[in-house]
């Protein structure tokens, strides 16, 4: 005898899943649910970033001192080449005496974005074991790496402030502007890291290309020389073209930090509407990067 047909036999797999409350394993959650999951993992993000920071120089004899020594050594090399040999000090607001604070701020701030991108592009591809073994919102990884870079920058800023004081800069109310500048840059870097984390997860070779791209970005952002002066006075570009180049996010965040910390830096030395540009870049990269990364959530760790 044949068993009577079951009512479920006529249902499609999708209808069966809906009837019994089943869902695809590893399916992408809705955007609000994804945000909620990330918030619940905030302690993991913080702990993971601190662990990575502590492990970064664990094999070196000087240990965590390299967090500060590396950007300082970069600044020393740039000072020798651009400050002394190529006379990049010309055009620095307040004269040559402000070049070292100008350079150190530029190196430290740009390094924050540079390392955020470099760690972001490897965030998924270098942690495949973790991604495949555990279920968690994958955006936790690039955000943890950006948080690690922020912590490293905060340690380095202690030395940066010592340099500023040594070269005649004095604390003032404008130094409080460091907080919103870093907040906006953190959002921007987080979005950028998530964009490159998704790209790097499917194209591992991107990690080999990014140092060249970032080096070009550094030269185009005025880390070692006053960008507007170099473009208008030396390169003879029209002012509108110089303003357009100086509106790139790295230059905007660096100049706002210099404006906050160097006494002779004024709004006249900044590209037009710097705060609006900083907010716009942060929102554009942060929102787009988050949504772009979330769209591929179910694909990370597969293949």
Protein backbone atom coordinates (compact mmCIF):
# COMPACT_ATOMS: atom_id res chain seq x y z
CA UNK A 1 0.00 0.00 0.00
CA UNK A 2 1.11 3.51 -0.76
CA UNK A 3 1.07 6.12 1.98
CA UNK A 4 -1.37 8.96 1.39
CA UNK A 5 0.28 12.11 0.08
CA UNK A 6 1.40 14.52 2.74
CA UNK A 7 0.20 18.15 2.43
CA UNK A 8 3.82 19.30 2.39
CA UNK A 9 4.62 17.31 -0.72
CA UNK A 10 3.14 19.96 -2.96
CA UNK A 11 5.23 22.78 -1.41
CA UNK A 12 8.42 24.13 -2.92
CA UNK A 13 11.62 24.18 -0.81
CA UNK A 14 11.21 27.91 -0.28
CA UNK A 15 7.62 27.44 0.89
CA UNK A 16 8.66 24.64 3.23
CA UNK A 17 11.40 26.79 4.74
CA UNK A 18 8.94 29.62 5.24
CA UNK A 19 6.33 27.32 6.78
CA UNK A 20 8.71 25.86 9.36
CA UNK A 21 10.74 29.00 10.06
CA UNK A 22 13.93 27.73 8.44
CA UNK A 23 16.61 30.00 7.03
CA UNK A 24 19.75 29.53 4.96
CA UNK A 25 22.84 28.92 7.09
CA UNK A 26 25.11 31.97 6.92
CA UNK A 27 22.50 34.07 5.12
CA UNK A 28 23.03 37.81 5.17
CA UNK A 29 20.94 39.50 7.89
CA UNK A 30 19.01 42.68 7.25
CA UNK A 31 20.98 45.90 7.58
CA UNK A 32 19.38 46.92 10.92
CA UNK A 33 19.94 43.40 12.29
CA UNK A 34 23.55 43.54 11.10
CA UNK A 35 24.10 46.81 12.97
CA UNK A 36 22.56 45.25 16.08
CA UNK A 37 24.85 42.22 15.82
CA UNK A 38 27.89 44.45 15.46
CA UNK A 39 26.90 46.43 18.55
CA UNK A 40 26.58 43.20 20.52
CA UNK A 41 30.10 42.25 19.37
CA UNK A 42 31.63 45.58 20.41
CA UNK A 43 33.56 43.98 23.29
CA UNK A 44 35.00 41.39 20.91
CA UNK A 45 36.05 44.16 18.49
CA UNK A 46 37.80 46.03 21.30
CA UNK A 47 39.53 42.93 22.69
CA UNK A 48 40.60 41.75 19.23
CA UNK A 49 42.10 45.15 18.36
CA UNK A 50 44.04 45.29 21.65
CA UNK A 51 45.35 41.77 21.16
CA UNK A 52 46.53 42.61 17.63
CA UNK A 53 48.19 45.78 18.89
CA UNK A 54 50.08 43.92 21.61
CA UNK A 55 51.13 41.15 19.24
CA UNK A 56 52.25 43.51 16.47
CA UNK A 57 55.77 44.05 17.82
CA UNK A 58 55.95 41.13 20.25
CA UNK A 59 58.99 39.64 18.47
CA UNK A 60 60.97 42.90 18.48
CA UNK A 61 63.30 43.73 21.36
CA UNK A 62 61.95 47.27 21.66
CA UNK A 63 58.40 45.93 21.63
CA UNK A 64 55.65 48.55 21.64
CA UNK A 65 58.18 51.40 21.32
CA UNK A 66 58.09 50.73 17.57
CA UNK A 67 54.54 52.09 17.55
CA UNK A 68 56.10 55.51 18.06
CA UNK A 69 59.55 54.94 16.58
CA UNK A 70 58.32 53.89 13.12
CA UNK A 71 56.43 57.10 12.20
CA UNK A 72 59.16 59.21 13.85
CA UNK A 73 61.84 57.53 11.74
CA UNK A 74 59.70 58.10 8.64
CA UNK A 75 59.39 61.76 9.60
CA UNK A 76 63.18 61.99 10.03
CA UNK A 77 63.77 60.54 6.55
CA UNK A 78 61.21 62.89 4.98
CA UNK A 79 62.78 65.85 6.81
CA UNK A 80 66.19 64.99 5.38
CA UNK A 81 64.94 64.53 1.82
CA UNK A 82 62.06 66.99 1.51
CA UNK A 83 62.94 69.49 4.23
CA UNK A 84 66.68 69.88 3.67
CA UNK A 85 67.52 68.58 0.21
CA UNK A 86 64.37 69.60 -1.72
CA UNK A 87 63.53 72.63 0.45
CA UNK A 88 59.96 71.52 1.09
CA UNK A 89 59.86 73.93 4.04
CA UNK A 90 59.07 76.82 1.72
CA UNK A 91 55.53 78.05 2.17
CA UNK A 92 54.86 76.46 5.56
CA UNK A 93 52.60 78.81 7.58
CA UNK A 94 54.70 80.60 10.20
CA UNK A 95 58.00 79.92 8.44
CA UNK A 96 60.67 77.24 8.58
CA UNK A 97 60.40 76.91 12.36
CA UNK A 98 57.02 75.23 11.97
CA UNK A 99 58.19 72.66 9.43
CA UNK A 100 58.96 69.88 11.91
CA UNK A 101 55.51 70.10 13.64
CA UNK A 102 53.93 70.39 10.16
CA UNK A 103 55.76 67.25 8.99
CA UNK A 104 55.26 65.17 12.13
CA UNK A 105 51.50 65.84 12.18
CA UNK A 106 51.24 64.97 8.49
CA UNK A 107 53.16 61.69 8.89
CA UNK A 108 51.21 60.55 11.95
CA UNK A 109 47.78 61.42 10.54
CA UNK A 110 48.43 59.95 7.11
CA UNK A 111 49.88 56.79 8.66
CA UNK A 112 46.54 56.29 10.43
CA UNK A 113 44.70 56.14 7.09
CA UNK A 114 47.48 54.26 5.32
CA UNK A 115 47.69 51.46 7.87
CA UNK A 116 43.90 51.26 8.14
CA UNK A 117 43.69 50.51 4.41
CA UNK A 118 46.61 48.06 4.44
CA UNK A 119 45.21 46.12 7.40
CA UNK A 120 41.69 46.32 5.98
CA UNK A 121 42.62 44.79 2.64
CA UNK A 122 43.94 41.72 4.50
CA UNK A 123 41.25 41.65 7.19
CA UNK A 124 39.27 38.78 5.67
CA UNK A 125 41.89 36.98 3.59
CA UNK A 126 44.36 36.74 6.49
CA UNK A 127 41.77 35.53 8.99
CA UNK A 128 40.04 32.80 6.99
CA UNK A 129 40.33 30.30 9.83
CA UNK A 130 38.47 32.60 12.19
CA UNK A 131 35.88 33.50 9.54
CA UNK A 132 35.15 29.84 8.72
CA UNK A 133 35.15 28.58 12.29
CA UNK A 134 32.93 31.14 14.01
CA UNK A 135 29.70 32.93 13.21
CA UNK A 136 29.94 36.70 13.75
CA UNK A 137 29.41 39.83 11.65
CA UNK A 138 32.46 39.94 9.41
CA UNK A 139 32.64 43.74 9.57
CA UNK A 140 34.01 43.20 13.07
CA UNK A 141 37.40 42.39 11.53
CA UNK A 142 38.12 45.53 9.45
CA UNK A 143 36.63 47.70 12.21
CA UNK A 144 38.87 46.01 14.79
CA UNK A 145 41.93 46.72 12.66
CA UNK A 146 40.98 50.39 12.26
CA UNK A 147 40.45 50.61 16.02
CA UNK A 148 43.91 49.09 16.46
CA UNK A 149 45.38 51.83 14.25
CA UNK A 150 43.50 54.50 16.21
CA UNK A 151 44.94 53.18 19.46
CA UNK A 152 48.39 53.19 17.93
CA UNK A 153 47.92 56.79 16.79
CA UNK A 154 46.81 57.86 20.28
CA UNK A 155 50.00 56.38 21.76
CA UNK A 156 52.04 58.13 19.09
CA UNK A 157 50.33 61.45 19.71
CA UNK A 158 51.98 61.65 23.12
CA UNK A 159 55.33 61.96 21.32
CA UNK A 160 53.79 64.24 18.71
CA UNK A 161 52.66 66.64 21.45
CA UNK A 162 56.17 66.61 22.94
CA UNK A 163 57.54 67.59 19.52
CA UNK A 164 54.99 70.40 19.24
CA UNK A 165 55.93 71.77 22.65
CA UNK A 166 59.64 71.51 21.85
CA UNK A 167 59.12 73.65 18.73
CA UNK A 168 57.25 76.42 20.47
CA UNK A 169 53.61 75.39 20.12
CA UNK A 170 51.51 75.99 23.20
CA UNK A 171 48.26 74.26 24.22
CA UNK A 172 45.09 76.22 23.52
CA UNK A 173 41.39 75.70 23.04
CA UNK A 174 42.02 74.84 19.40
CA UNK A 175 43.74 71.62 20.54
CA UNK A 176 40.28 70.31 21.49
CA UNK A 177 39.48 70.20 17.75
CA UNK A 178 41.68 67.10 17.61
CA UNK A 179 38.73 65.10 18.98
CA UNK A 180 36.24 65.77 16.13
CA UNK A 181 39.01 65.50 13.53
CA UNK A 182 40.00 62.05 14.79
CA UNK A 183 36.35 61.02 15.08
CA UNK A 184 35.63 61.94 11.46
CA UNK A 185 38.84 60.32 10.25
CA UNK A 186 38.04 57.14 12.16
CA UNK A 187 34.65 56.90 10.39
CA UNK A 188 36.31 57.58 7.04
CA UNK A 189 39.06 55.01 7.65
CA UNK A 190 36.52 52.44 8.83
CA UNK A 191 34.52 52.81 5.63
CA UNK A 192 37.65 52.64 3.50
CA UNK A 193 38.87 49.54 5.35
CA UNK A 194 35.54 47.76 4.77
CA UNK A 195 35.62 48.59 1.06
CA UNK A 196 39.11 47.15 0.67
CA UNK A 197 38.34 44.22 2.98
CA UNK A 198 35.63 43.08 0.55
CA UNK A 199 37.85 43.70 -2.49
CA UNK A 200 40.81 41.98 -0.85
CA UNK A 201 38.76 38.94 0.15
CA UNK A 202 38.20 38.06 -3.52
CA UNK A 203 41.42 39.53 -4.96
CA UNK A 204 44.37 38.69 -2.67
CA UNK A 205 46.84 40.30 -5.09
CA UNK A 206 45.32 43.68 -4.20
CA UNK A 207 47.40 43.65 -1.02
CA UNK A 208 50.56 43.74 -3.16
CA UNK A 209 49.29 46.69 -5.21
CA UNK A 210 48.05 48.89 -2.38
CA UNK A 211 51.46 50.13 -1.11
CA UNK A 212 52.06 51.76 -4.51
CA UNK A 213 48.60 53.32 -4.57
CA UNK A 214 49.00 54.63 -1.02
CA UNK A 215 52.45 56.06 -1.77
CA UNK A 216 50.95 58.01 -4.67
CA UNK A 217 48.15 59.22 -2.38
CA UNK A 218 50.73 60.37 0.17
CA UNK A 219 52.65 62.47 -2.37
CA UNK A 220 49.39 63.98 -3.65
CA UNK A 221 48.23 64.98 -0.15
CA UNK A 222 50.98 67.27 1.11
CA UNK A 223 52.38 65.12 3.89
CA UNK A 224 55.92 66.47 3.45
CA UNK A 225 55.26 69.93 1.95
CA UNK A 226 52.51 72.58 1.91
CA UNK A 227 50.35 71.26 -0.91
CA UNK A 228 48.64 74.50 -1.97
CA UNK A 229 51.92 76.42 -2.10
CA UNK A 230 53.60 73.65 -4.09
CA UNK A 231 50.76 73.44 -6.62
CA UNK A 232 50.11 77.15 -7.15
CA UNK A 233 53.54 78.73 -6.66
CA UNK A 234 55.84 75.99 -7.96
CA UNK A 235 53.67 74.00 -10.38
CA UNK A 236 51.76 77.12 -11.57
CA UNK A 237 48.38 75.41 -11.37
CA UNK A 238 45.28 77.60 -11.17
CA UNK A 239 43.89 78.09 -7.66
CA UNK A 240 40.71 76.13 -8.41
CA UNK A 241 42.77 73.09 -9.51
CA UNK A 242 44.90 73.29 -6.37
CA UNK A 243 41.76 73.53 -4.22
CA UNK A 244 40.36 70.46 -5.98
CA UNK A 245 43.50 68.40 -5.30
CA UNK A 246 43.69 69.68 -1.71
CA UNK A 247 40.09 68.55 -1.14
CA UNK A 248 41.18 64.89 -1.13
CA UNK A 249 40.37 63.34 2.26
CA UNK A 250 43.93 62.71 3.46
CA UNK A 251 44.89 66.34 2.84
CA UNK A 252 41.70 67.59 4.52
CA UNK A 253 42.22 65.59 7.71
CA UNK A 254 45.92 66.50 7.89
CA UNK A 255 45.27 70.20 7.41
CA UNK A 256 42.50 70.24 10.03
CA UNK A 257 44.86 68.57 12.50
CA UNK A 258 47.57 71.11 11.67
CA UNK A 259 45.05 73.92 12.08
CA UNK A 260 44.14 72.55 15.52
CA UNK A 261 47.71 72.13 16.79
CA UNK A 262 49.91 74.75 15.06
CA UNK A 263 49.42 78.34 16.18
CA UNK A 264 50.26 79.94 12.83
CA UNK A 265 47.83 77.77 10.88
CA UNK A 266 44.68 79.74 9.99
CA UNK A 267 41.59 79.10 7.89
CA UNK A 268 43.32 80.97 5.07
CA UNK A 269 45.81 78.09 4.90
CA UNK A 270 43.06 75.48 4.48
CA UNK A 271 41.12 74.41 1.44
CA UNK A 272 37.64 76.01 1.31
CA UNK A 273 34.96 74.48 3.58
CA UNK A 274 37.32 72.02 5.32
CA UNK A 275 34.86 70.87 8.00
CA UNK A 276 32.12 70.22 5.46
CA UNK A 277 34.60 68.27 3.34
CA UNK A 278 35.74 66.22 6.33
CA UNK A 279 32.13 65.44 7.29
CA UNK A 280 31.22 64.63 3.69
CA UNK A 281 34.17 62.27 3.20
CA UNK A 282 33.45 60.54 6.52
CA UNK A 283 29.78 59.99 5.70
CA UNK A 284 30.44 58.97 2.11
CA UNK A 285 33.12 56.42 2.95
CA UNK A 286 31.51 55.26 6.20
CA UNK A 287 28.00 54.66 4.88
CA UNK A 288 28.99 53.38 1.45
CA UNK A 289 31.77 51.18 2.86
CA UNK A 290 29.49 49.64 5.46
CA UNK A 291 26.69 48.85 3.00
CA UNK A 292 29.14 47.65 0.35
CA UNK A 293 30.77 45.26 2.82
CA UNK A 294 27.43 44.03 4.21
CA UNK A 295 26.18 43.19 0.70
CA UNK A 296 28.77 40.39 0.45
CA UNK A 297 28.47 39.16 4.04
CA UNK A 298 27.41 35.62 3.11
CA UNK A 299 30.33 35.17 0.72
CA UNK A 300 33.21 35.78 3.11
CA UNK A 301 35.15 32.65 3.99
CA UNK A 302 33.68 30.57 1.18
CA UNK A 303 35.52 29.21 -1.82
